[in-house]
C-alpha cells in the first residue's frame, strides 16, 4: 500500500509532466500554481517537488530571469526546497471551466496532499492565506463539491473525505494515475468486504444448522427411548436413523441418503413429524402416540 507521501508525490510528478496545450489553460495553471504556492505578501514560490518547480519555471514568460534555487529545509530530515522568485503572483481569475480546473490542478500541486487509502480517503489543501482558502473553496464548489475547512497550528485547511468526492477532484485535474490507484483500492476493499460478509453468513448458517440438528437428535432420541423407532412408519424411521447416524449433515444431504432420495422439503416435513411425536410423548407423560 503506498504511503501518503508516495501517493501524493507520484500524483504530483505525473501532473507536472503534463503541460496543457491551450495557452489560456497554461496561464490558468501558472496563476493557480504561484498564487497557492506563494506566501501572502511574498514573491517566492516554494515546493518540495523538483518536477513541480520545473513546471512552474516552464510556465514563466521570461524563464532566464527567474532561475530555480535549491535550498535545504530547516525541518526534520532537511528535505530540499525549490524556490522561484518570480515576483508577486498575479490575481487568480478563471471563467472557463477548463481554466478553473487548471487552477485547481495548480492548487493541488502547490499545497495539496492525498492520504494513503489504508488510512481512509482524504484529500487536503493548506492554502497560504484565508483569501486563498476562499478561492479554493469556490473552485471546488464549481465542481459540485462542498469542502470542509479547519485550522491546524494556525494554518488554513480545506479538505474532502470519501472516495467519490476525491475521485471527482482527481478526474477534474487530470490525475488519472492516482484515480486508478484509488479505484483499485476501493475495488479490493469491496471484494474483501463482500467475501467477509459471505463467510460470516455461511458461518452463521452452519451454526444455526448445527444447533437445529442437535435439537433434532435430542428429540428423536426421546422418541426412540419412549416409543421405539420400530413403531414408526418406514419413512419416519428411515429419516430418524439417518439424523442419529449423521448429525452434521444438512437436510438436503440427508434427503440424498434416503431410498429413494427425497427433496429437502420432504426431509423437513418428516423431521417436523418426529418433533410433533416427541412433543406429544412429553405432554402425555410417556403415553404412546398414534404412529
C-alpha atoms as a PDB file:
ATOM      1  CA  UNK A   1       0.000   0.000   0.000  1.00  0.00           C
ATOM      2  CA  UNK A   2       1.532   3.364  -0.983  1.00  0.00           C
ATOM      3  CA  UNK A   3       2.237   5.819   1.827  1.00  0.00           C
ATOM      4  CA  UNK A   4       0.696   9.282   1.954  1.00  0.00           C
ATOM      5  CA  UNK A   5       3.922  10.904   0.771  1.00  0.00           C
ATOM      6  CA  UNK A   6       4.402   8.423  -2.066  1.00  0.00           C
ATOM      7  CA  UNK A   7       0.830   8.688  -3.337  1.00  0.00           C
ATOM      8  CA  UNK A   8       0.863  12.495  -3.312  1.00  0.00           C
ATOM      9  CA  UNK A   9       4.359  12.674  -4.770  1.00  0.00           C
ATOM     10  CA  UNK A  10       3.576  10.273  -7.593  1.00  0.00           C
ATOM     11  CA  UNK A  11       0.377  12.151  -8.451  1.00  0.00           C
ATOM     12  CA  UNK A  12       2.160  15.497  -8.441  1.00  0.00           C
ATOM     13  CA  UNK A  13       5.096  14.255 -10.511  1.00  0.00           C
ATOM     14  CA  UNK A  14       2.701  12.800 -13.092  1.00  0.00           C
ATOM     15  CA  UNK A  15       0.664  16.008 -13.283  1.00  0.00           C
ATOM     16  CA  UNK A  16       3.807  18.152 -13.505  1.00  0.00           C
ATOM     17  CA  UNK A  17       4.805  16.325 -16.686  1.00  0.00           C
ATOM     18  CA  UNK A  18       1.505  17.183 -18.404  1.00  0.00           C
ATOM     19  CA  UNK A  19       1.578  20.674 -19.889  1.00  0.00           C
ATOM     20  CA  UNK A  20      -1.789  21.951 -21.232  1.00  0.00           C
ATOM     21  CA  UNK A  21      -1.884  22.678 -24.943  1.00  0.00           C
ATOM     22  CA  UNK A  22      -4.046  25.804 -24.855  1.00  0.00           C
ATOM     23  CA  UNK A  23      -2.249  28.999 -23.846  1.00  0.00           C
ATOM     24  CA  UNK A  24      -5.118  30.163 -21.640  1.00  0.00           C
ATOM     25  CA  UNK A  25      -5.028  26.822 -19.761  1.00  0.00           C
ATOM     26  CA  UNK A  26      -1.276  27.180 -19.247  1.00  0.00           C
ATOM     27  CA  UNK A  27      -1.831  30.691 -17.922  1.00  0.00           C
ATOM     28  CA  UNK A  28      -4.516  29.435 -15.518  1.00  0.00           C
ATOM     29  CA  UNK A  29      -2.227  26.637 -14.331  1.00  0.00           C
ATOM     30  CA  UNK A  30       0.590  29.133 -13.771  1.00  0.00           C
ATOM     31  CA  UNK A  31      -1.680  31.514 -11.858  1.00  0.00           C
ATOM     32  CA  UNK A  32      -3.054  28.709  -9.706  1.00  0.00           C
ATOM     33  CA  UNK A  33       0.388  27.268  -9.025  1.00  0.00           C
ATOM     34  CA  UNK A  34       2.013  30.549  -7.985  1.00  0.00           C
ATOM     35  CA  UNK A  35      -0.972  32.018  -6.120  1.00  0.00           C
ATOM     36  CA  UNK A  36      -1.377  28.890  -3.982  1.00  0.00           C
ATOM     37  CA  UNK A  37       2.345  28.314  -3.563  1.00  0.00           C
ATOM     38  CA  UNK A  38       3.463  31.807  -2.532  1.00  0.00           C
ATOM     39  CA  UNK A  39       3.116  33.180   0.993  1.00  0.00           C
ATOM     40  CA  UNK A  40       0.888  36.257   1.471  1.00  0.00           C
ATOM     41  CA  UNK A  41       2.755  39.427   0.505  1.00  0.00           C
ATOM     42  CA  UNK A  42       5.694  37.350  -0.683  1.00  0.00           C
ATOM     43  CA  UNK A  43       7.280  36.878  -4.085  1.00  0.00           C
ATOM     44  CA  UNK A  44       8.900  33.439  -3.741  1.00  0.00           C
ATOM     45  CA  UNK A  45       7.138  30.280  -4.895  1.00  0.00           C
ATOM     46  CA  UNK A  46       8.254  27.225  -2.874  1.00  0.00           C
ATOM     47  CA  UNK A  47       7.793  23.496  -3.370  1.00  0.00           C
ATOM     48  CA  UNK A  48       9.470  20.274  -2.251  1.00  0.00           C
ATOM     49  CA  UNK A  49       8.879  18.612  -5.616  1.00  0.00           C
ATOM     50  CA  UNK A  50      11.546  19.218  -8.264  1.00  0.00           C
ATOM     51  CA  UNK A  51       9.068  18.324 -11.025  1.00  0.00           C
ATOM     52  CA  UNK A  52       6.605  20.936  -9.758  1.00  0.00           C
ATOM     53  CA  UNK A  53       9.362  23.551  -9.631  1.00  0.00           C
ATOM     54  CA  UNK A  54      10.346  22.759 -13.236  1.00  0.00           C
ATOM     55  CA  UNK A  55       6.696  23.024 -14.271  1.00  0.00           C
ATOM     56  CA  UNK A  56       6.330  26.440 -12.626  1.00  0.00           C
ATOM     57  CA  UNK A  57       9.547  27.644 -14.232  1.00  0.00           C
ATOM     58  CA  UNK A  58       8.473  26.408 -17.687  1.00  0.00           C
ATOM     59  CA  UNK A  59       5.212  28.380 -17.415  1.00  0.00           C
ATOM     60  CA  UNK A  60       7.008  31.709 -16.906  1.00  0.00           C
ATOM     61  CA  UNK A  61       7.306  34.104 -19.843  1.00  0.00           C
ATOM     62  CA  UNK A  62      10.901  35.090 -19.076  1.00  0.00           C
ATOM     63  CA  UNK A  63      12.483  31.930 -17.686  1.00  0.00           C
ATOM     64  CA  UNK A  64      16.050  33.248 -17.769  1.00  0.00           C
ATOM     65  CA  UNK A  65      15.123  36.000 -15.334  1.00  0.00           C
ATOM     66  CA  UNK A  66      13.730  33.575 -12.752  1.00  0.00           C
ATOM     67  CA  UNK A  67      16.091  30.643 -12.129  1.00  0.00           C
ATOM     68  CA  UNK A  68      15.217  27.822  -9.737  1.00  0.00           C
ATOM     69  CA  UNK A  69      17.086  27.950  -6.450  1.00  0.00           C
ATOM     70  CA  UNK A  70      17.536  24.857  -4.292  1.00  0.00           C
ATOM     71  CA  UNK A  71      17.542  25.247  -0.530  1.00  0.00           C
ATOM     72  CA  UNK A  72      17.716  22.800   2.380  1.00  0.00           C
ATOM     73  CA  UNK A  73      14.726  22.771   4.668  1.00  0.00           C
ATOM     74  CA  UNK A  74      15.361  23.529   8.346  1.00  0.00           C
ATOM     75  CA  UNK A  75      12.716  20.985   9.293  1.00  0.00           C
ATOM     76  CA  UNK A  76      13.191  17.334  10.187  1.00  0.00           C
ATOM     77  CA  UNK A  77      15.077  15.250   7.580  1.00  0.00           C
ATOM     78  CA  UNK A  78      16.296  18.519   5.966  1.00  0.00           C
ATOM     79  CA  UNK A  79      14.444  17.904   2.720  1.00  0.00           C
ATOM     80  CA  UNK A  80      15.303  20.080  -0.276  1.00  0.00           C
ATOM     81  CA  UNK A  81      13.055  23.012  -1.112  1.00  0.00           C
ATOM     82  CA  UNK A  82      12.934  24.549  -4.586  1.00  0.00           C
ATOM     83  CA  UNK A  83      12.292  28.280  -4.896  1.00  0.00           C
ATOM     84  CA  UNK A  84      11.421  30.621  -7.744  1.00  0.00           C
ATOM     85  CA  UNK A  85      11.380  34.364  -7.039  1.00  0.00           C
ATOM     86  CA  UNK A  86       9.005  35.444  -9.780  1.00  0.00           C
ATOM     87  CA  UNK A  87       7.513  38.463  -8.034  1.00  0.00           C
ATOM     88  CA  UNK A  88       4.014  38.782  -6.583  1.00  0.00           C
ATOM     89  CA  UNK A  89       1.647  36.183  -8.021  1.00  0.00           C
ATOM     90  CA  UNK A  90      -0.929  37.547 -10.469  1.00  0.00           C
ATOM     91  CA  UNK A  91      -4.600  37.733  -9.479  1.00  0.00           C
ATOM     92  CA  UNK A  92      -6.056  34.243  -9.871  1.00  0.00           C
ATOM     93  CA  UNK A  93      -9.015  34.629 -12.209  1.00  0.00           C
ATOM     94  CA  UNK A  94     -10.661  31.965 -14.339  1.00  0.00           C
ATOM     95  CA  UNK A  95     -14.005  31.947 -16.104  1.00  0.00           C
ATOM     96  CA  UNK A  96     -13.879  28.945 -18.434  1.00  0.00           C
ATOM     97  CA  UNK A  97     -14.332  25.533 -16.867  1.00  0.00           C
ATOM     98  CA  UNK A  98     -11.028  24.240 -18.227  1.00  0.00           C
ATOM     99  CA  UNK A  99      -9.229  27.246 -16.718  1.00  0.00           C
ATOM    100  CA  UNK A 100     -10.851  26.680 -13.324  1.00  0.00           C
ATOM    101  CA  UNK A 101      -9.726  23.071 -13.446  1.00  0.00           C
ATOM    102  CA  UNK A 102      -6.191  24.111 -14.334  1.00  0.00           C
ATOM    103  CA  UNK A 103      -6.191  26.471 -11.360  1.00  0.00           C
ATOM    104  CA  UNK A 104      -7.416  23.624  -9.188  1.00  0.00           C
ATOM    105  CA  UNK A 105      -4.575  21.490 -10.537  1.00  0.00           C
ATOM    106  CA  UNK A 106      -2.169  24.266  -9.612  1.00  0.00           C
ATOM    107  CA  UNK A 107      -3.624  24.383  -6.105  1.00  0.00           C
ATOM    108  CA  UNK A 108      -3.117  20.637  -5.673  1.00  0.00           C
ATOM    109  CA  UNK A 109       0.457  20.843  -6.948  1.00  0.00           C
ATOM    110  CA  UNK A 110       1.256  23.797  -4.704  1.00  0.00           C
ATOM    111  CA  UNK A 111      -0.486  22.959  -1.427  1.00  0.00           C
ATOM    112  CA  UNK A 112      -2.427  19.699  -1.762  1.00  0.00           C
ATOM    113  CA  UNK A 113      -1.845  16.193  -0.437  1.00  0.00           C
ATOM    114  CA  UNK A 114      -3.620  12.888  -0.889  1.00  0.00           C
ATOM    115  CA  UNK A 115      -3.802  10.457   2.020  1.00  0.00           C
ATOM    116  CA  UNK A 116      -2.942   6.792   1.558  1.00  0.00           C
ATOM    117  CA  UNK A 117      -6.152   4.723   1.214  1.00  0.00           C
ATOM    118  CA  UNK A 118      -5.160   2.492   4.135  1.00  0.00           C
ATOM    119  CA  UNK A 119      -5.768   5.469   6.434  1.00  0.00           C
ATOM    120  CA  UNK A 120      -9.061   6.473   4.839  1.00  0.00           C
ATOM    121  CA  UNK A 121      -9.770   8.551   1.763  1.00  0.00           C
ATOM    122  CA  UNK A 122      -8.634  12.119   2.487  1.00  0.00           C
ATOM    123  CA  UNK A 123      -7.624  14.981   0.196  1.00  0.00           C
ATOM    124  CA  UNK A 124      -6.487  18.201   1.813  1.00  0.00           C
ATOM    125  CA  UNK A 125      -5.096  21.580   0.840  1.00  0.00           C
ATOM    126  CA  UNK A 126      -3.153  24.014   3.016  1.00  0.00           C
ATOM    127  CA  UNK A 127      -3.634  27.357   1.235  1.00  0.00           C
ATOM    128  CA  UNK A 128      -1.234  30.166   2.169  1.00  0.00           C
ATOM    129  CA  UNK A 129      -3.977  32.593   3.298  1.00  0.00           C
ATOM    130  CA  UNK A 130      -7.633  32.984   4.124  1.00  0.00           C
ATOM    131  CA  UNK A 131      -8.193  34.623   0.752  1.00  0.00           C
ATOM    132  CA  UNK A 132      -6.567  31.649  -0.983  1.00  0.00           C
ATOM    133  CA  UNK A 133      -8.836  29.323   1.012  1.00  0.00           C
ATOM    134  CA  UNK A 134     -11.910  31.167  -0.242  1.00  0.00           C
ATOM    135  CA  UNK A 135     -10.690  30.957  -3.846  1.00  0.00           C
ATOM    136  CA  UNK A 136     -10.002  27.261  -3.456  1.00  0.00           C
ATOM    137  CA  UNK A 137     -13.433  26.605  -1.935  1.00  0.00           C
ATOM    138  CA  UNK A 138     -15.017  28.429  -4.875  1.00  0.00           C
ATOM    139  CA  UNK A 139     -13.064  26.246  -7.321  1.00  0.00           C
ATOM    140  CA  UNK A 140     -14.176  23.071  -5.564  1.00  0.00           C
ATOM    141  CA  UNK A 141     -17.785  24.241  -5.401  1.00  0.00           C
ATOM    142  CA  UNK A 142     -17.711  24.845  -9.151  1.00  0.00           C
ATOM    143  CA  UNK A 143     -17.185  21.064  -9.435  1.00  0.00           C
ATOM    144  CA  UNK A 144     -20.292  20.409  -7.353  1.00  0.00           C
ATOM    145  CA  UNK A 145     -18.355  19.707  -4.148  1.00  0.00           C
ATOM    146  CA  UNK A 146     -18.730  21.101  -0.649  1.00  0.00           C
ATOM    147  CA  UNK A 147     -15.329  21.006   1.070  1.00  0.00           C
ATOM    148  CA  UNK A 148     -14.800  21.294   4.796  1.00  0.00           C
ATOM    149  CA  UNK A 149     -12.465  23.756   6.486  1.00  0.00           C
ATOM    150  CA  UNK A 150     -10.388  23.780   9.651  1.00  0.00           C
ATOM    151  CA  UNK A 151      -7.364  25.373  11.300  1.00  0.00           C
ATOM    152  CA  UNK A 152      -4.225  23.364  12.013  1.00  0.00           C
ATOM    153  CA  UNK A 153      -1.493  25.055  14.001  1.00  0.00           C
ATOM    154  CA  UNK A 154      -2.769  28.416  12.771  1.00  0.00           C
ATOM    155  CA  UNK A 155      -2.863  27.368   9.107  1.00  0.00           C
ATOM    156  CA  UNK A 156      -5.983  27.237   6.992  1.00  0.00           C
ATOM    157  CA  UNK A 157      -7.063  23.770   5.908  1.00  0.00           C
ATOM    158  CA  UNK A 158      -9.518  22.826   3.162  1.00  0.00           C
ATOM    159  CA  UNK A 159     -10.268  19.124   2.850  1.00  0.00           C
ATOM    160  CA  UNK A 160     -12.520  16.455   1.361  1.00  0.00           C
ATOM    161  CA  UNK A 161     -13.258  12.967   2.628  1.00  0.00           C
ATOM    162  CA  UNK A 162     -14.765   9.981   0.826  1.00  0.00           C
ATOM    163  CA  UNK A 163     -13.568   8.401  -2.378  1.00  0.00           C
ATOM    164  CA  UNK A 164     -16.436   9.705  -4.504  1.00  0.00           C
ATOM    165  CA  UNK A 165     -15.667  13.368  -3.787  1.00  0.00           C
ATOM    166  CA  UNK A 166     -11.915  12.826  -4.103  1.00  0.00           C
ATOM    167  CA  UNK A 167     -12.374  10.935  -7.369  1.00  0.00           C
ATOM    168  CA  UNK A 168     -14.229  13.939  -8.801  1.00  0.00           C
ATOM    169  CA  UNK A 169     -11.318  16.230  -7.927  1.00  0.00           C
ATOM    170  CA  UNK A 170      -8.684  13.872  -9.316  1.00  0.00           C
ATOM    171  CA  UNK A 171     -10.673  13.458 -12.525  1.00  0.00           C
ATOM    172  CA  UNK A 172     -11.129  17.236 -12.836  1.00  0.00           C
ATOM    173  CA  UNK A 173      -7.405  17.975 -12.502  1.00  0.00           C
ATOM    174  CA  UNK A 174      -6.398  15.062 -14.741  1.00  0.00           C
ATOM    175  CA  UNK A 175      -4.704  12.915 -12.080  1.00  0.00           C
ATOM    176  CA  UNK A 176      -5.694   9.669 -13.809  1.00  0.00           C
ATOM    177  CA  UNK A 177      -2.896   7.589 -12.276  1.00  0.00           C
ATOM    178  CA  UNK A 178      -3.847   8.462  -8.692  1.00  0.00           C
ATOM    179  CA  UNK A 179      -7.521   7.988  -9.535  1.00  0.00           C
ATOM    180  CA  UNK A 180      -6.884   4.491 -10.904  1.00  0.00           C
ATOM    181  CA  UNK A 181      -4.902   3.551  -7.796  1.00  0.00           C
ATOM    182  CA  UNK A 182      -7.711   4.698  -5.532  1.00  0.00           C
ATOM    183  CA  UNK A 183     -10.274   2.813  -7.616  1.00  0.00           C
ATOM    184  CA  UNK A 184      -8.118  -0.310  -7.402  1.00  0.00           C
ATOM    185  CA  UNK A 185      -8.019   0.037  -3.627  1.00  0.00           C
ATOM    186  CA  UNK A 186     -11.781   0.588  -3.495  1.00  0.00           C
ATOM    187  CA  UNK A 187     -12.433  -2.488  -5.636  1.00  0.00           C
ATOM    188  CA  UNK A 188     -10.126  -4.571  -3.448  1.00  0.00           C
ATOM    189  CA  UNK A 189     -11.789  -3.346  -0.243  1.00  0.00           C
ATOM    190  CA  UNK A 190     -15.273  -4.001  -1.613  1.00  0.00           C
ATOM    191  CA  UNK A 191     -14.258  -7.507  -2.683  1.00  0.00           C
ATOM    192  CA  UNK A 192     -12.796  -8.245   0.757  1.00  0.00           C
ATOM    193  CA  UNK A 193     -15.904  -6.890   2.472  1.00  0.00           C
ATOM    194  CA  UNK A 194     -18.172  -8.967   0.231  1.00  0.00           C
ATOM    195  CA  UNK A 195     -16.150 -12.111   0.933  1.00  0.00           C
ATOM    196  CA  UNK A 196     -16.197 -11.327   4.652  1.00  0.00           C
ATOM    197  CA  UNK A 197     -19.975 -10.935   4.602  1.00  0.00           C
ATOM    198  CA  UNK A 198     -20.401 -14.190   2.713  1.00  0.00           C
ATOM    199  CA  UNK A 199     -18.113 -16.036   5.116  1.00  0.00           C
ATOM    200  CA  UNK A 200     -19.925 -14.598   8.127  1.00  0.00           C
ATOM    201  CA  UNK A 201     -23.298 -15.513   6.646  1.00  0.00           C
ATOM    202  CA  UNK A 202     -22.155 -19.032   5.865  1.00  0.00           C
ATOM    203  CA  UNK A 203     -20.701 -19.434   9.343  1.00  0.00           C
ATOM    204  CA  UNK A 204     -23.970 -18.249  10.879  1.00  0.00           C
ATOM    205  CA  UNK A 205     -25.929 -20.672   8.697  1.00  0.00           C
ATOM    206  CA  UNK A 206     -23.680 -23.566   9.688  1.00  0.00           C
ATOM    207  CA  UNK A 207     -24.035 -22.631  13.357  1.00  0.00           C
ATOM    208  CA  UNK A 208     -27.827 -22.473  13.110  1.00  0.00           C
ATOM    209  CA  UNK A 209     -27.930 -25.781  11.251  1.00  0.00           C
ATOM    210  CA  UNK A 210     -25.704 -27.426  13.867  1.00  0.00           C
ATOM    211  CA  UNK A 211     -27.914 -26.209  16.726  1.00  0.00           C
ATOM    212  CA  UNK A 212     -31.055 -27.351  14.904  1.00  0.00           C
ATOM    213  CA  UNK A 213     -29.524 -30.784  14.220  1.00  0.00           C
ATOM    214  CA  UNK A 214     -28.586 -31.159  17.899  1.00  0.00           C
ATOM    215  CA  UNK A 215     -32.181 -30.408  18.931  1.00  0.00           C
ATOM    216  CA  UNK A 216     -33.488 -32.857  16.343  1.00  0.00           C
ATOM    217  CA  UNK A 217     -31.211 -35.655  17.563  1.00  0.00           C
ATOM    218  CA  UNK A 218     -32.232 -34.988  21.159  1.00  0.00           C
ATOM    219  CA  UNK A 219     -35.954 -35.188  20.300  1.00  0.00           C
ATOM    220  CA  UNK A 220     -35.507 -38.258  18.114  1.00  0.00           C
ATOM    221  CA  UNK A 221     -33.619 -39.978  20.953  1.00  0.00           C
ATOM    222  CA  UNK A 222     -36.606 -39.265  23.191  1.00  0.00           C
ATOM    223  CA  UNK A 223     -38.921 -40.895  20.634  1.00  0.00           C
ATOM    224  CA  UNK A 224     -36.581 -43.904  20.379  1.00  0.00           C
ATOM    225  CA  UNK A 225     -36.482 -44.371  24.159  1.00  0.00           C
ATOM    226  CA  UNK A 226     -40.154 -43.708  24.931  1.00  0.00           C
ATOM    227  CA  UNK A 227     -41.838 -45.149  21.874  1.00  0.00           C
ATOM    228  CA  UNK A 228     -39.291 -47.088  19.806  1.00  0.00           C
ATOM    229  CA  UNK A 229     -38.213 -46.310  16.267  1.00  0.00           C
ATOM    230  CA  UNK A 230     -39.548 -49.708  15.100  1.00  0.00           C
ATOM    231  CA  UNK A 231     -43.094 -48.471  15.813  1.00  0.00           C
ATOM    232  CA  UNK A 232     -42.701 -45.540  13.385  1.00  0.00           C
ATOM    233  CA  UNK A 233     -43.666 -45.639   9.751  1.00  0.00           C
ATOM    234  CA  UNK A 234     -40.870 -46.700   7.381  1.00  0.00           C
ATOM    235  CA  UNK A 235     -40.329 -43.140   6.131  1.00  0.00           C
ATOM    236  CA  UNK A 236     -40.104 -41.646   9.638  1.00  0.00           C
ATOM    237  CA  UNK A 237     -37.903 -44.472  10.902  1.00  0.00           C
ATOM    238  CA  UNK A 238     -35.530 -44.015   7.972  1.00  0.00           C
ATOM    239  CA  UNK A 239     -35.091 -40.272   8.497  1.00  0.00           C
ATOM    240  CA  UNK A 240     -34.799 -40.699  12.280  1.00  0.00           C
ATOM    241  CA  UNK A 241     -31.979 -43.216  11.882  1.00  0.00           C
ATOM    242  CA  UNK A 242     -30.251 -41.037   9.289  1.00  0.00           C
ATOM    243  CA  UNK A 243     -30.344 -38.000  11.577  1.00  0.00           C
ATOM    244  CA  UNK A 244     -28.981 -40.009  14.527  1.00  0.00           C
ATOM    245  CA  UNK A 245     -26.193 -41.518  12.416  1.00  0.00           C
ATOM    246  CA  UNK A 246     -25.269 -38.331  10.517  1.00  0.00           C
ATOM    247  CA  UNK A 247     -25.565 -35.413  12.972  1.00  0.00           C
ATOM    248  CA  UNK A 248     -23.534 -32.922  10.917  1.00  0.00           C
ATOM    249  CA  UNK A 249     -25.307 -33.320   7.578  1.00  0.00           C
ATOM    250  CA  UNK A 250     -27.846 -30.891   6.172  1.00  0.00           C
ATOM    251  CA  UNK A 251     -31.429 -31.774   5.392  1.00  0.00           C
ATOM    252  CA  UNK A 252     -30.584 -31.847   1.696  1.00  0.00           C
ATOM    253  CA  UNK A 253     -27.741 -34.287   2.351  1.00  0.00           C
ATOM    254  CA  UNK A 254     -29.997 -36.498   4.455  1.00  0.00           C
ATOM    255  CA  UNK A 255     -32.509 -36.475   1.623  1.00  0.00           C
ATOM    256  CA  UNK A 256     -29.880 -37.837  -0.742  1.00  0.00           C
ATOM    257  CA  UNK A 257     -29.279 -40.761   1.630  1.00  0.00           C
ATOM    258  CA  UNK A 258     -32.944 -41.757   1.609  1.00  0.00           C
ATOM    259  CA  UNK A 259     -34.037 -44.677  -0.569  1.00  0.00           C
ATOM    260  CA  UNK A 260     -35.286 -43.419  -2.885  1.00  0.00           C
ATOM    261  CA  UNK A 261     -33.756 -39.928  -2.488  1.00  0.00           C
ATOM    262  CA  UNK A 262     -36.199 -37.197  -1.482  1.00  0.00           C
ATOM    263  CA  UNK A 263     -36.175 -33.400  -1.537  1.00  0.00           C
ATOM    264  CA  UNK A 264     -35.117 -31.175   1.337  1.00  0.00           C
ATOM    265  CA  UNK A 265     -38.729 -30.106   1.899  1.00  0.00           C
ATOM    266  CA  UNK A 266     -39.758 -33.757   2.324  1.00  0.00           C
ATOM    267  CA  UNK A 267     -36.999 -34.361   4.872  1.00  0.00           C
ATOM    268  CA  UNK A 268     -38.039 -31.212   6.716  1.00  0.00           C
ATOM    269  CA  UNK A 269     -41.635 -32.465   6.845  1.00  0.00           C
ATOM    270  CA  UNK A 270     -40.580 -35.838   8.237  1.00  0.00           C
ATOM    271  CA  UNK A 271     -38.345 -34.218  10.854  1.00  0.00           C
ATOM    272  CA  UNK A 272     -41.245 -31.955  11.854  1.00  0.00           C
ATOM    273  CA  UNK A 273     -43.475 -35.038  12.257  1.00  0.00           C
ATOM    274  CA  UNK A 274     -40.876 -36.628  14.555  1.00  0.00           C
ATOM    275  CA  UNK A 275     -40.706 -33.447  16.642  1.00  0.00           C
ATOM    276  CA  UNK A 276     -44.504 -33.450  16.990  1.00  0.00           C
ATOM    277  CA  UNK A 277     -44.406 -37.054  18.168  1.00  0.00           C
ATOM    278  CA  UNK A 278     -41.754 -36.126  20.752  1.00  0.00           C
ATOM    279  CA  UNK A 279     -43.906 -33.226  21.953  1.00  0.00           C
ATOM    280  CA  UNK A 280     -46.953 -35.488  22.347  1.00  0.00           C
ATOM    281  CA  UNK A 281     -44.870 -38.054  24.217  1.00  0.00           C
ATOM    282  CA  UNK A 282     -43.785 -35.370  26.679  1.00  0.00           C
ATOM    283  CA  UNK A 283     -47.294 -33.995  27.105  1.00  0.00           C
ATOM    284  CA  UNK A 284     -48.766 -37.454  27.612  1.00  0.00           C
ATOM    285  CA  UNK A 285     -46.030 -38.391  30.065  1.00  0.00           C
ATOM    286  CA  UNK A 286     -44.905 -41.427  28.095  1.00  0.00           C
ATOM    287  CA  UNK A 287     -48.200 -42.459  26.531  1.00  0.00           C
ATOM    288  CA  UNK A 288     -47.572 -43.842  23.068  1.00  0.00           C
ATOM    289  CA  UNK A 289     -48.751 -41.642  20.183  1.00  0.00           C
ATOM    290  CA  UNK A 290     -50.555 -42.858  17.168  1.00  0.00           C
ATOM    291  CA  UNK A 291     -47.910 -43.512  14.538  1.00  0.00           C
END
